[in-house]
């Protein structure tokens, strides 16, 4: 592939307080496309085709709290997972034409030294962008969070918040595969219909309903054995009140609180004492050596028709900041992606 033209990049330029403003927080710049001559031994250039947008990105913008990863620096290319194709290489491990997943950032071309890079073998019935979704961080989060932390057993009740999102929708489907009764919580009738009618959730509840708390209680007469929390806030508190004896709460995310100036913590945590329950957080990167195990199982379920997925796609890198804001507004159903280039394009 001939390398020419400019490399569009999105820089992180201002740390937000509360909800971020796309035009103030990010800046779009054009730089020269990296050249083969500029590569060091072991490096390669990736043409990024797809960029993942994730709730964790809001945390990466902050430098005011401890985290599992350093914050993005001011004037640095915004961090993000990408999939694409190697277009030039001085690496013995990655050759031109290889499909890869890397932390490529919000840019069209990335120079990588191979650290954290993953050479991709796309299974039958799958797509390259699935390695940002069901085979990427999203899928790994759902798989290990539910199965290793939640440990669902057949016949138990599993409740998932953010259930129409990328992680939540997969959590619910895996929980059904494991023989549990699954209740999804989402933010619209359309999303709830998708969960019930297409994904096979037993019940889907709209948290915007005035009587949501009553419906949640009615849907969990035997209480909640596993609660997979993607949102935090009031929904976490309601599920704490409904947790069963020896119940497990998987703390995956708290998207309802990420843009709050004064984040709200749980009030009903003493239920963990009375019900001898457990509430545990996790970071998916810790499971890196076991990713192939999850990919193997998810690929099998996909081919068997037990897993379905949907993408919420923003076209063009320059629209990524607005696409991220739409994720936090809850406009997405399924995995939120930015399409940088047509996979069939000749570059």
C-alpha atoms as a PDB file:
ATOM      1  CA  UNK A   1       0.000   0.000   0.000  1.00  0.00           C
ATOM      2  CA  UNK A   2       1.397   3.398  -0.945  1.00  0.00           C
ATOM      3  CA  UNK A   3       1.602   5.813   1.982  1.00  0.00           C
ATOM      4  CA  UNK A   4       0.737   9.348   1.051  1.00  0.00           C
ATOM      5  CA  UNK A   5      -1.305  12.361   2.106  1.00  0.00           C
ATOM      6  CA  UNK A   6      -2.049  13.432   5.667  1.00  0.00           C
ATOM      7  CA  UNK A   7      -2.786  11.652   8.914  1.00  0.00           C
ATOM      8  CA  UNK A   8      -5.882  13.016  10.661  1.00  0.00           C
ATOM      9  CA  UNK A   9      -5.454  12.975  14.441  1.00  0.00           C
ATOM     10  CA  UNK A  10      -7.666  14.012  17.362  1.00  0.00           C
ATOM     11  CA  UNK A  11      -5.715  15.559  20.251  1.00  0.00           C
ATOM     12  CA  UNK A  12      -6.882  15.807  23.845  1.00  0.00           C
ATOM     13  CA  UNK A  13      -6.392  19.491  24.709  1.00  0.00           C
ATOM     14  CA  UNK A  14      -8.410  20.341  27.840  1.00  0.00           C
ATOM     15  CA  UNK A  15      -9.365  18.372  30.947  1.00  0.00           C
ATOM     16  CA  UNK A  16     -13.119  18.654  31.432  1.00  0.00           C
ATOM     17  CA  UNK A  17     -14.925  19.260  34.695  1.00  0.00           C
ATOM     18  CA  UNK A  18     -18.237  17.450  34.625  1.00  0.00           C
ATOM     19  CA  UNK A  19     -19.606  16.725  31.168  1.00  0.00           C
ATOM     20  CA  UNK A  20     -17.054  17.329  28.448  1.00  0.00           C
ATOM     21  CA  UNK A  21     -17.569  19.722  25.551  1.00  0.00           C
ATOM     22  CA  UNK A  22     -16.353  18.015  22.336  1.00  0.00           C
ATOM     23  CA  UNK A  23     -15.129  21.246  20.731  1.00  0.00           C
ATOM     24  CA  UNK A  24     -13.219  22.370  23.856  1.00  0.00           C
ATOM     25  CA  UNK A  25     -11.869  18.987  24.940  1.00  0.00           C
ATOM     26  CA  UNK A  26     -10.520  17.845  21.570  1.00  0.00           C
ATOM     27  CA  UNK A  27      -8.691  19.371  18.614  1.00  0.00           C
ATOM     28  CA  UNK A  28      -8.445  17.902  15.123  1.00  0.00           C
ATOM     29  CA  UNK A  29      -5.070  18.243  13.397  1.00  0.00           C
ATOM     30  CA  UNK A  30      -3.447  17.040  10.184  1.00  0.00           C
ATOM     31  CA  UNK A  31       0.081  15.631  10.223  1.00  0.00           C
ATOM     32  CA  UNK A  32       2.171  13.841   7.585  1.00  0.00           C
ATOM     33  CA  UNK A  33       1.548  10.131   7.172  1.00  0.00           C
ATOM     34  CA  UNK A  34       4.412   8.185   8.815  1.00  0.00           C
ATOM     35  CA  UNK A  35       7.024   6.920   6.367  1.00  0.00           C
ATOM     36  CA  UNK A  36       8.722   3.554   6.118  1.00  0.00           C
ATOM     37  CA  UNK A  37      12.065   5.328   6.411  1.00  0.00           C
ATOM     38  CA  UNK A  38      11.101   6.770   9.801  1.00  0.00           C
ATOM     39  CA  UNK A  39      10.483   3.343  11.339  1.00  0.00           C
ATOM     40  CA  UNK A  40      12.881   1.819  13.850  1.00  0.00           C
ATOM     41  CA  UNK A  41      13.619  -1.897  13.869  1.00  0.00           C
ATOM     42  CA  UNK A  42      10.622  -3.773  15.262  1.00  0.00           C
ATOM     43  CA  UNK A  43       8.136  -1.017  14.369  1.00  0.00           C
ATOM     44  CA  UNK A  44       5.299  -1.056  11.862  1.00  0.00           C
ATOM     45  CA  UNK A  45       2.611   1.279  10.529  1.00  0.00           C
ATOM     46  CA  UNK A  46      -1.085   0.478  10.877  1.00  0.00           C
ATOM     47  CA  UNK A  47      -3.861   1.991   8.797  1.00  0.00           C
ATOM     48  CA  UNK A  48      -6.698   2.134  11.320  1.00  0.00           C
ATOM     49  CA  UNK A  49     -10.082   1.104   9.914  1.00  0.00           C
ATOM     50  CA  UNK A  50     -12.245   1.215  13.058  1.00  0.00           C
ATOM     51  CA  UNK A  51     -11.986   3.038  16.410  1.00  0.00           C
ATOM     52  CA  UNK A  52     -13.747   1.924  19.594  1.00  0.00           C
ATOM     53  CA  UNK A  53     -15.532   4.506  21.763  1.00  0.00           C
ATOM     54  CA  UNK A  54     -15.862   3.434  25.381  1.00  0.00           C
ATOM     55  CA  UNK A  55     -17.139   4.848  28.706  1.00  0.00           C
ATOM     56  CA  UNK A  56     -13.673   4.327  30.230  1.00  0.00           C
ATOM     57  CA  UNK A  57     -12.390   7.180  28.044  1.00  0.00           C
ATOM     58  CA  UNK A  58     -13.973   9.712  30.405  1.00  0.00           C
ATOM     59  CA  UNK A  59     -11.828   8.388  33.238  1.00  0.00           C
ATOM     60  CA  UNK A  60      -8.713   8.577  31.075  1.00  0.00           C
ATOM     61  CA  UNK A  61      -9.289  12.330  30.732  1.00  0.00           C
ATOM     62  CA  UNK A  62      -8.935  12.901  34.485  1.00  0.00           C
ATOM     63  CA  UNK A  63      -5.704  13.305  36.434  1.00  0.00           C
ATOM     64  CA  UNK A  64      -7.363  13.846  39.815  1.00  0.00           C
ATOM     65  CA  UNK A  65      -7.856  10.241  40.923  1.00  0.00           C
ATOM     66  CA  UNK A  66      -5.923   6.982  41.074  1.00  0.00           C
ATOM     67  CA  UNK A  67      -6.575   4.651  38.190  1.00  0.00           C
ATOM     68  CA  UNK A  68      -5.329   1.478  36.522  1.00  0.00           C
ATOM     69  CA  UNK A  69      -3.767   3.442  33.664  1.00  0.00           C
ATOM     70  CA  UNK A  70      -2.120   6.846  33.375  1.00  0.00           C
ATOM     71  CA  UNK A  71      -4.321   9.740  32.227  1.00  0.00           C
ATOM     72  CA  UNK A  72      -4.081  10.994  28.661  1.00  0.00           C
ATOM     73  CA  UNK A  73      -1.714  13.956  28.568  1.00  0.00           C
ATOM     74  CA  UNK A  74      -2.695  17.366  27.234  1.00  0.00           C
ATOM     75  CA  UNK A  75      -1.964  17.664  23.478  1.00  0.00           C
ATOM     76  CA  UNK A  76      -1.552  13.885  23.213  1.00  0.00           C
ATOM     77  CA  UNK A  77      -3.472  11.858  20.620  1.00  0.00           C
ATOM     78  CA  UNK A  78      -6.588  10.639  22.435  1.00  0.00           C
ATOM     79  CA  UNK A  79      -6.238   7.041  23.590  1.00  0.00           C
ATOM     80  CA  UNK A  80      -8.423   4.362  21.999  1.00  0.00           C
ATOM     81  CA  UNK A  81      -8.462   0.802  20.708  1.00  0.00           C
ATOM     82  CA  UNK A  82      -8.378   0.383  16.934  1.00  0.00           C
ATOM     83  CA  UNK A  83      -8.354  -2.393  14.372  1.00  0.00           C
ATOM     84  CA  UNK A  84      -6.712  -2.085  11.001  1.00  0.00           C
ATOM     85  CA  UNK A  85      -4.117  -3.403   8.603  1.00  0.00           C
ATOM     86  CA  UNK A  86      -0.316  -3.213   8.682  1.00  0.00           C
ATOM     87  CA  UNK A  87       0.756  -1.144   5.672  1.00  0.00           C
ATOM     88  CA  UNK A  88       4.523  -1.083   6.228  1.00  0.00           C
ATOM     89  CA  UNK A  89       6.807  -2.919   8.614  1.00  0.00           C
ATOM     90  CA  UNK A  90      10.316  -3.307   9.987  1.00  0.00           C
ATOM     91  CA  UNK A  91       9.084  -5.994  12.371  1.00  0.00           C
ATOM     92  CA  UNK A  92       9.713  -9.709  12.100  1.00  0.00           C
ATOM     93  CA  UNK A  93       6.412 -10.424  13.890  1.00  0.00           C
ATOM     94  CA  UNK A  94       4.050  -8.160  11.948  1.00  0.00           C
ATOM     95  CA  UNK A  95       4.048  -8.061   8.153  1.00  0.00           C
ATOM     96  CA  UNK A  96       2.303  -5.822   5.635  1.00  0.00           C
ATOM     97  CA  UNK A  97      -1.238  -7.085   5.165  1.00  0.00           C
ATOM     98  CA  UNK A  98      -1.629  -8.435   8.708  1.00  0.00           C
ATOM     99  CA  UNK A  99      -4.881  -7.477  10.412  1.00  0.00           C
ATOM    100  CA  UNK A 100      -4.234  -6.200  13.920  1.00  0.00           C
ATOM    101  CA  UNK A 101      -5.817  -4.743  17.023  1.00  0.00           C
ATOM    102  CA  UNK A 102      -3.752  -2.108  18.832  1.00  0.00           C
ATOM    103  CA  UNK A 103      -4.151   0.861  21.146  1.00  0.00           C
ATOM    104  CA  UNK A 104      -3.879   2.961  18.029  1.00  0.00           C
ATOM    105  CA  UNK A 105      -5.478   6.112  19.348  1.00  0.00           C
ATOM    106  CA  UNK A 106      -7.775   8.578  17.617  1.00  0.00           C
ATOM    107  CA  UNK A 107      -5.831   8.781  14.358  1.00  0.00           C
ATOM    108  CA  UNK A 108      -5.841   7.304  10.881  1.00  0.00           C
ATOM    109  CA  UNK A 109      -2.277   5.925  10.931  1.00  0.00           C
ATOM    110  CA  UNK A 110      -0.378   4.605  13.950  1.00  0.00           C
ATOM    111  CA  UNK A 111       3.262   3.611  14.413  1.00  0.00           C
ATOM    112  CA  UNK A 112       3.473   0.614  16.779  1.00  0.00           C
ATOM    113  CA  UNK A 113       6.373  -1.256  18.355  1.00  0.00           C
ATOM    114  CA  UNK A 114       4.176  -4.298  18.791  1.00  0.00           C
ATOM    115  CA  UNK A 115       3.533  -3.879  22.525  1.00  0.00           C
ATOM    116  CA  UNK A 116      -0.071  -4.822  23.191  1.00  0.00           C
ATOM    117  CA  UNK A 117      -0.664  -5.543  19.501  1.00  0.00           C
ATOM    118  CA  UNK A 118      -2.786  -8.540  18.618  1.00  0.00           C
ATOM    119  CA  UNK A 119      -2.614 -10.206  15.214  1.00  0.00           C
ATOM    120  CA  UNK A 120      -6.157 -11.090  14.175  1.00  0.00           C
ATOM    121  CA  UNK A 121      -7.602 -14.210  12.629  1.00  0.00           C
ATOM    122  CA  UNK A 122     -11.228 -13.333  11.876  1.00  0.00           C
ATOM    123  CA  UNK A 123     -13.499 -16.361  12.549  1.00  0.00           C
ATOM    124  CA  UNK A 124     -16.216 -17.414  10.066  1.00  0.00           C
ATOM    125  CA  UNK A 125     -19.287 -15.217  10.341  1.00  0.00           C
ATOM    126  CA  UNK A 126     -17.365 -12.418  12.063  1.00  0.00           C
ATOM    127  CA  UNK A 127     -16.056  -9.020  10.964  1.00  0.00           C
ATOM    128  CA  UNK A 128     -12.847  -7.116  11.617  1.00  0.00           C
ATOM    129  CA  UNK A 129     -14.654  -4.626  13.849  1.00  0.00           C
ATOM    130  CA  UNK A 130     -15.869  -7.489  16.065  1.00  0.00           C
ATOM    131  CA  UNK A 131     -12.386  -7.346  17.601  1.00  0.00           C
ATOM    132  CA  UNK A 132     -13.441  -4.032  19.146  1.00  0.00           C
ATOM    133  CA  UNK A 133     -16.756  -5.549  20.206  1.00  0.00           C
ATOM    134  CA  UNK A 134     -17.545  -9.149  21.058  1.00  0.00           C
ATOM    135  CA  UNK A 135     -13.928 -10.293  20.526  1.00  0.00           C
ATOM    136  CA  UNK A 136     -12.377  -7.098  21.900  1.00  0.00           C
ATOM    137  CA  UNK A 137     -12.381  -5.321  25.243  1.00  0.00           C
ATOM    138  CA  UNK A 138     -16.167  -5.321  25.277  1.00  0.00           C
ATOM    139  CA  UNK A 139     -16.459  -9.074  24.912  1.00  0.00           C
ATOM    140  CA  UNK A 140     -13.620  -9.797  27.308  1.00  0.00           C
ATOM    141  CA  UNK A 141     -15.221  -7.514  29.916  1.00  0.00           C
ATOM    142  CA  UNK A 142     -18.586  -9.231  29.602  1.00  0.00           C
ATOM    143  CA  UNK A 143     -17.131 -12.751  29.609  1.00  0.00           C
ATOM    144  CA  UNK A 144     -14.715 -12.492  32.529  1.00  0.00           C
ATOM    145  CA  UNK A 145     -16.775 -10.043  34.563  1.00  0.00           C
ATOM    146  CA  UNK A 146     -19.832 -12.267  34.483  1.00  0.00           C
ATOM    147  CA  UNK A 147     -18.219 -15.702  34.636  1.00  0.00           C
ATOM    148  CA  UNK A 148     -15.209 -15.059  36.907  1.00  0.00           C
ATOM    149  CA  UNK A 149     -16.646 -12.389  39.212  1.00  0.00           C
ATOM    150  CA  UNK A 150     -20.401 -13.007  38.990  1.00  0.00           C
ATOM    151  CA  UNK A 151     -20.186 -16.819  38.813  1.00  0.00           C
ATOM    152  CA  UNK A 152     -23.814 -17.342  37.702  1.00  0.00           C
ATOM    153  CA  UNK A 153     -25.490 -20.685  38.287  1.00  0.00           C
ATOM    154  CA  UNK A 154     -28.357 -22.172  36.303  1.00  0.00           C
ATOM    155  CA  UNK A 155     -31.716 -21.067  37.679  1.00  0.00           C
ATOM    156  CA  UNK A 156     -30.370 -17.892  39.295  1.00  0.00           C
ATOM    157  CA  UNK A 157     -31.577 -14.354  38.525  1.00  0.00           C
ATOM    158  CA  UNK A 158     -29.092 -12.068  36.777  1.00  0.00           C
ATOM    159  CA  UNK A 159     -29.778  -8.332  36.407  1.00  0.00           C
ATOM    160  CA  UNK A 160     -27.764  -6.206  33.981  1.00  0.00           C
ATOM    161  CA  UNK A 161     -27.789  -2.399  33.812  1.00  0.00           C
ATOM    162  CA  UNK A 162     -26.778  -0.608  30.639  1.00  0.00           C
ATOM    163  CA  UNK A 163     -28.167  -3.749  29.066  1.00  0.00           C
ATOM    164  CA  UNK A 164     -28.571  -2.356  25.553  1.00  0.00           C
ATOM    165  CA  UNK A 165     -24.951  -1.248  25.437  1.00  0.00           C
ATOM    166  CA  UNK A 166     -22.041  -3.231  24.045  1.00  0.00           C
ATOM    167  CA  UNK A 167     -21.028  -4.933  27.283  1.00  0.00           C
ATOM    168  CA  UNK A 168     -24.455  -5.284  28.884  1.00  0.00           C
ATOM    169  CA  UNK A 169     -26.093  -6.869  25.848  1.00  0.00           C
ATOM    170  CA  UNK A 170     -23.389  -9.538  25.711  1.00  0.00           C
ATOM    171  CA  UNK A 171     -23.495 -10.143  29.477  1.00  0.00           C
ATOM    172  CA  UNK A 172     -27.213 -10.901  29.254  1.00  0.00           C
ATOM    173  CA  UNK A 173     -26.773 -13.302  26.348  1.00  0.00           C
ATOM    174  CA  UNK A 174     -23.961 -15.203  28.072  1.00  0.00           C
ATOM    175  CA  UNK A 175     -26.059 -15.372  31.228  1.00  0.00           C
ATOM    176  CA  UNK A 176     -28.897 -16.928  29.200  1.00  0.00           C
ATOM    177  CA  UNK A 177     -26.459 -19.470  27.726  1.00  0.00           C
ATOM    178  CA  UNK A 178     -25.552 -20.402  31.309  1.00  0.00           C
ATOM    179  CA  UNK A 179     -29.199 -21.115  32.123  1.00  0.00           C
ATOM    180  CA  UNK A 180     -30.112 -18.098  34.233  1.00  0.00           C
ATOM    181  CA  UNK A 181     -33.134 -15.823  34.249  1.00  0.00           C
ATOM    182  CA  UNK A 182     -31.999 -12.466  32.842  1.00  0.00           C
ATOM    183  CA  UNK A 183     -33.426  -9.007  33.496  1.00  0.00           C
ATOM    184  CA  UNK A 184     -32.022  -6.106  31.504  1.00  0.00           C
ATOM    185  CA  UNK A 185     -32.262  -2.419  32.420  1.00  0.00           C
ATOM    186  CA  UNK A 186     -32.146   0.127  29.576  1.00  0.00           C
ATOM    187  CA  UNK A 187     -33.291   3.661  28.801  1.00  0.00           C
ATOM    188  CA  UNK A 188     -36.039   3.397  26.173  1.00  0.00           C
ATOM    189  CA  UNK A 189     -38.903   1.212  25.011  1.00  0.00           C
ATOM    190  CA  UNK A 190     -37.058   0.533  21.743  1.00  0.00           C
ATOM    191  CA  UNK A 191     -34.015  -0.749  23.612  1.00  0.00           C
ATOM    192  CA  UNK A 192     -36.146  -2.900  25.909  1.00  0.00           C
ATOM    193  CA  UNK A 193     -37.951  -4.379  22.901  1.00  0.00           C
ATOM    194  CA  UNK A 194     -34.592  -5.250  21.318  1.00  0.00           C
ATOM    195  CA  UNK A 195     -33.450  -6.988  24.499  1.00  0.00           C
ATOM    196  CA  UNK A 196     -36.588  -9.061  24.855  1.00  0.00           C
ATOM    197  CA  UNK A 197     -37.561  -9.773  21.254  1.00  0.00           C
ATOM    198  CA  UNK A 198     -34.146 -10.190  19.624  1.00  0.00           C
ATOM    199  CA  UNK A 199     -31.670 -11.072  22.368  1.00  0.00           C
ATOM    200  CA  UNK A 200     -33.959 -13.285  24.441  1.00  0.00           C
ATOM    201  CA  UNK A 201     -33.834 -11.456  27.787  1.00  0.00           C
ATOM    202  CA  UNK A 202     -36.626 -12.680  30.066  1.00  0.00           C
ATOM    203  CA  UNK A 203     -37.557  -9.146  31.139  1.00  0.00           C
ATOM    204  CA  UNK A 204     -36.372  -5.683  30.096  1.00  0.00           C
ATOM    205  CA  UNK A 205     -37.167  -2.621  32.213  1.00  0.00           C
ATOM    206  CA  UNK A 206     -36.992   1.048  31.256  1.00  0.00           C
ATOM    207  CA  UNK A 207     -35.350   2.954  34.100  1.00  0.00           C
ATOM    208  CA  UNK A 208     -37.044   6.146  32.892  1.00  0.00           C
ATOM    209  CA  UNK A 209     -40.476   4.739  33.792  1.00  0.00           C
ATOM    210  CA  UNK A 210     -42.034   6.489  36.785  1.00  0.00           C
ATOM    211  CA  UNK A 211     -42.707   3.140  38.460  1.00  0.00           C
ATOM    212  CA  UNK A 212     -39.371   1.558  37.579  1.00  0.00           C
ATOM    213  CA  UNK A 213     -38.514   0.642  41.173  1.00  0.00           C
ATOM    214  CA  UNK A 214     -41.838  -1.182  41.596  1.00  0.00           C
ATOM    215  CA  UNK A 215     -41.328  -3.051  38.315  1.00  0.00           C
ATOM    216  CA  UNK A 216     -37.824  -4.064  39.371  1.00  0.00           C
ATOM    217  CA  UNK A 217     -39.165  -5.443  42.663  1.00  0.00           C
ATOM    218  CA  UNK A 218     -41.956  -7.303  40.843  1.00  0.00           C
ATOM    219  CA  UNK A 219     -39.457  -8.781  38.363  1.00  0.00           C
ATOM    220  CA  UNK A 220     -37.191 -10.076  41.152  1.00  0.00           C
ATOM    221  CA  UNK A 221     -39.513 -11.911  43.572  1.00  0.00           C
ATOM    222  CA  UNK A 222     -36.628 -14.189  44.594  1.00  0.00           C
ATOM    223  CA  UNK A 223     -34.241 -11.240  44.636  1.00  0.00           C
ATOM    224  CA  UNK A 224     -31.075 -10.763  42.577  1.00  0.00           C
ATOM    225  CA  UNK A 225     -28.332 -13.378  42.630  1.00  0.00           C
ATOM    226  CA  UNK A 226     -25.986 -11.536  40.262  1.00  0.00           C
ATOM    227  CA  UNK A 227     -26.119  -7.832  39.455  1.00  0.00           C
ATOM    228  CA  UNK A 228     -23.781  -6.701  36.663  1.00  0.00           C
ATOM    229  CA  UNK A 229     -23.420  -2.948  37.181  1.00  0.00           C
ATOM    230  CA  UNK A 230     -22.500  -0.702  34.269  1.00  0.00           C
ATOM    231  CA  UNK A 231     -24.097   2.539  35.481  1.00  0.00           C
ATOM    232  CA  UNK A 232     -23.798   3.078  39.254  1.00  0.00           C
ATOM    233  CA  UNK A 233     -25.949   5.763  40.885  1.00  0.00           C
ATOM    234  CA  UNK A 234     -29.606   5.204  41.761  1.00  0.00           C
ATOM    235  CA  UNK A 235     -29.893   1.924  39.850  1.00  0.00           C
ATOM    236  CA  UNK A 236     -27.027   0.415  41.831  1.00  0.00           C
ATOM    237  CA  UNK A 237     -28.766   1.479  45.058  1.00  0.00           C
ATOM    238  CA  UNK A 238     -32.044  -0.112  43.986  1.00  0.00           C
ATOM    239  CA  UNK A 239     -30.291  -3.365  43.109  1.00  0.00           C
ATOM    240  CA  UNK A 240     -28.421  -3.343  46.414  1.00  0.00           C
ATOM    241  CA  UNK A 241     -31.810  -3.307  48.144  1.00  0.00           C
ATOM    242  CA  UNK A 242     -32.863  -6.355  46.076  1.00  0.00           C
ATOM    243  CA  UNK A 243     -29.663  -8.397  46.394  1.00  0.00           C
ATOM    244  CA  UNK A 244     -30.132 -12.017  47.486  1.00  0.00           C
ATOM    245  CA  UNK A 245     -28.277 -13.861  50.217  1.00  0.00           C
ATOM    246  CA  UNK A 246     -24.775 -14.646  48.962  1.00  0.00           C
ATOM    247  CA  UNK A 247     -25.494 -12.431  45.958  1.00  0.00           C
ATOM    248  CA  UNK A 248     -22.678 -11.063  43.807  1.00  0.00           C
ATOM    249  CA  UNK A 249     -22.435  -7.538  42.429  1.00  0.00           C
ATOM    250  CA  UNK A 250     -20.008  -7.135  39.534  1.00  0.00           C
ATOM    251  CA  UNK A 251     -18.767  -3.537  39.457  1.00  0.00           C
ATOM    252  CA  UNK A 252     -17.893  -2.983  35.811  1.00  0.00           C
ATOM    253  CA  UNK A 253     -18.644   0.713  35.326  1.00  0.00           C
ATOM    254  CA  UNK A 254     -20.576   3.750  36.511  1.00  0.00           C
ATOM    255  CA  UNK A 255     -21.398   5.688  33.361  1.00  0.00           C
ATOM    256  CA  UNK A 256     -24.151   7.669  35.125  1.00  0.00           C
ATOM    257  CA  UNK A 257     -21.491   9.229  37.373  1.00  0.00           C
ATOM    258  CA  UNK A 258     -18.512   9.816  35.086  1.00  0.00           C
ATOM    259  CA  UNK A 259     -19.575  13.307  34.015  1.00  0.00           C
ATOM    260  CA  UNK A 260     -20.869  14.376  37.448  1.00  0.00           C
ATOM    261  CA  UNK A 261     -18.961  17.061  39.345  1.00  0.00           C
ATOM    262  CA  UNK A 262     -19.925  15.318  42.609  1.00  0.00           C
ATOM    263  CA  UNK A 263     -20.270  11.589  41.885  1.00  0.00           C
ATOM    264  CA  UNK A 264     -22.797   9.710  44.008  1.00  0.00           C
ATOM    265  CA  UNK A 265     -21.698   6.639  45.918  1.00  0.00           C
ATOM    266  CA  UNK A 266     -23.952   3.774  47.042  1.00  0.00           C
ATOM    267  CA  UNK A 267     -26.218   4.413  50.042  1.00  0.00           C
ATOM    268  CA  UNK A 268     -27.558   0.891  50.527  1.00  0.00           C
ATOM    269  CA  UNK A 269     -24.213  -0.857  50.891  1.00  0.00           C
ATOM    270  CA  UNK A 270     -25.105  -2.223  54.355  1.00  0.00           C
ATOM    271  CA  UNK A 271     -27.304  -4.762  52.556  1.00  0.00           C
ATOM    272  CA  UNK A 272     -24.015  -6.484  51.716  1.00  0.00           C
ATOM    273  CA  UNK A 273     -23.683  -7.197  55.430  1.00  0.00           C
ATOM    274  CA  UNK A 274     -27.211  -8.430  56.133  1.00  0.00           C
ATOM    275  CA  UNK A 275     -27.326 -10.607  53.003  1.00  0.00           C
ATOM    276  CA  UNK A 276     -23.711 -11.771  53.226  1.00  0.00           C
ATOM    277  CA  UNK A 277     -23.292 -10.531  49.665  1.00  0.00           C
ATOM    278  CA  UNK A 278     -20.195  -9.516  47.723  1.00  0.00           C
ATOM    279  CA  UNK A 279     -19.446  -6.455  45.589  1.00  0.00           C
ATOM    280  CA  UNK A 280     -16.267  -6.631  43.505  1.00  0.00           C
ATOM    281  CA  UNK A 281     -14.639  -4.534  40.830  1.00  0.00           C
ATOM    282  CA  UNK A 282     -12.284  -5.738  38.109  1.00  0.00           C
ATOM    283  CA  UNK A 283     -10.145  -4.512  35.227  1.00  0.00           C
ATOM    284  CA  UNK A 284     -10.336  -6.553  32.046  1.00  0.00           C
ATOM    285  CA  UNK A 285      -6.655  -6.032  31.176  1.00  0.00           C
ATOM    286  CA  UNK A 286      -5.803  -8.359  34.086  1.00  0.00           C
ATOM    287  CA  UNK A 287      -7.266 -11.237  32.076  1.00  0.00           C
ATOM    288  CA  UNK A 288      -5.058 -10.680  29.017  1.00  0.00           C
ATOM    289  CA  UNK A 289      -3.411 -14.138  29.057  1.00  0.00           C
ATOM    290  CA  UNK A 290      -6.874 -15.740  29.000  1.00  0.00           C
ATOM    291  CA  UNK A 291      -8.348 -13.739  26.107  1.00  0.00           C
ATOM    292  CA  UNK A 292      -8.026 -16.667  23.642  1.00  0.00           C
ATOM    293  CA  UNK A 293     -10.272 -18.730  25.923  1.00  0.00           C
ATOM    294  CA  UNK A 294     -13.008 -16.106  25.768  1.00  0.00           C
ATOM    295  CA  UNK A 295     -12.652 -15.565  22.009  1.00  0.00           C
ATOM    296  CA  UNK A 296     -12.953 -19.305  21.427  1.00  0.00           C
ATOM    297  CA  UNK A 297     -16.180 -19.579  23.442  1.00  0.00           C
ATOM    298  CA  UNK A 298     -17.761 -16.412  22.044  1.00  0.00           C
ATOM    299  CA  UNK A 299     -16.902 -17.416  18.453  1.00  0.00           C
ATOM    300  CA  UNK A 300     -18.553 -20.792  19.039  1.00  0.00           C
ATOM    301  CA  UNK A 301     -21.701 -19.160  20.442  1.00  0.00           C
ATOM    302  CA  UNK A 302     -21.777 -16.709  17.533  1.00  0.00           C
ATOM    303  CA  UNK A 303     -21.592 -19.519  14.979  1.00  0.00           C
ATOM    304  CA  UNK A 304     -24.325 -21.408  16.841  1.00  0.00           C
ATOM    305  CA  UNK A 305     -26.607 -18.365  16.683  1.00  0.00           C
ATOM    306  CA  UNK A 306     -26.608 -17.918  20.463  1.00  0.00           C
ATOM    307  CA  UNK A 307     -24.926 -14.504  20.299  1.00  0.00           C
ATOM    308  CA  UNK A 308     -26.188 -11.456  18.411  1.00  0.00           C
ATOM    309  CA  UNK A 309     -24.653  -8.004  18.277  1.00  0.00           C
ATOM    310  CA  UNK A 310     -25.400  -4.563  16.942  1.00  0.00           C
ATOM    311  CA  UNK A 311     -23.167  -1.598  16.140  1.00  0.00           C
ATOM    312  CA  UNK A 312     -23.802   2.121  16.616  1.00  0.00           C
ATOM    313  CA  UNK A 313     -21.506   3.665  14.002  1.00  0.00           C
ATOM    314  CA  UNK A 314     -20.211   7.213  13.639  1.00  0.00           C
ATOM    315  CA  UNK A 315     -18.730   7.928  10.204  1.00  0.00           C
ATOM    316  CA  UNK A 316     -15.404   9.764  10.041  1.00  0.00           C
ATOM    317  CA  UNK A 317     -12.679  10.390  12.615  1.00  0.00           C
ATOM    318  CA  UNK A 318     -13.507  14.089  12.799  1.00  0.00           C
ATOM    319  CA  UNK A 319     -16.883  13.111  14.267  1.00  0.00           C
ATOM    320  CA  UNK A 320     -15.419  10.907  17.025  1.00  0.00           C
ATOM    321  CA  UNK A 321     -15.731  13.577  19.775  1.00  0.00           C
ATOM    322  CA  UNK A 322     -19.437  13.987  19.082  1.00  0.00           C
ATOM    323  CA  UNK A 323     -19.794  10.204  18.856  1.00  0.00           C
ATOM    324  CA  UNK A 324     -18.329   9.818  22.343  1.00  0.00           C
ATOM    325  CA  UNK A 325     -20.751  12.395  23.717  1.00  0.00           C
ATOM    326  CA  UNK A 326     -23.651  10.494  22.157  1.00  0.00           C
ATOM    327  CA  UNK A 327     -22.472   7.384  24.014  1.00  0.00           C
ATOM    328  CA  UNK A 328     -22.713   9.231  27.331  1.00  0.00           C
ATOM    329  CA  UNK A 329     -26.150  10.527  26.396  1.00  0.00           C
ATOM    330  CA  UNK A 330     -27.288   6.928  25.960  1.00  0.00           C
ATOM    331  CA  UNK A 331     -28.116   7.266  22.269  1.00  0.00           C
ATOM    332  CA  UNK A 332     -26.305   4.055  21.324  1.00  0.00           C
ATOM    333  CA  UNK A 333     -27.670   0.552  21.044  1.00  0.00           C
ATOM    334  CA  UNK A 334     -24.883  -2.019  20.969  1.00  0.00           C
ATOM    335  CA  UNK A 335     -21.205  -1.310  20.374  1.00  0.00           C
ATOM    336  CA  UNK A 336     -20.190   2.298  19.653  1.00  0.00           C
ATOM    337  CA  UNK A 337     -17.655   2.538  16.827  1.00  0.00           C
ATOM    338  CA  UNK A 338     -16.102   5.115  14.543  1.00  0.00           C
ATOM    339  CA  UNK A 339     -15.615   4.004  10.945  1.00  0.00           C
ATOM    340  CA  UNK A 340     -12.417   5.552   9.629  1.00  0.00           C
ATOM    341  CA  UNK A 341     -12.246   3.946   6.200  1.00  0.00           C
ATOM    342  CA  UNK A 342     -14.041   1.396   4.067  1.00  0.00           C
ATOM    343  CA  UNK A 343     -12.348  -1.975   4.640  1.00  0.00           C
ATOM    344  CA  UNK A 344     -12.353  -2.622   0.887  1.00  0.00           C
ATOM    345  CA  UNK A 345     -10.603   0.653   0.051  1.00  0.00           C
ATOM    346  CA  UNK A 346      -7.204   0.532  -1.634  1.00  0.00           C
ATOM    347  CA  UNK A 347      -4.837   2.752   0.303  1.00  0.00           C
END
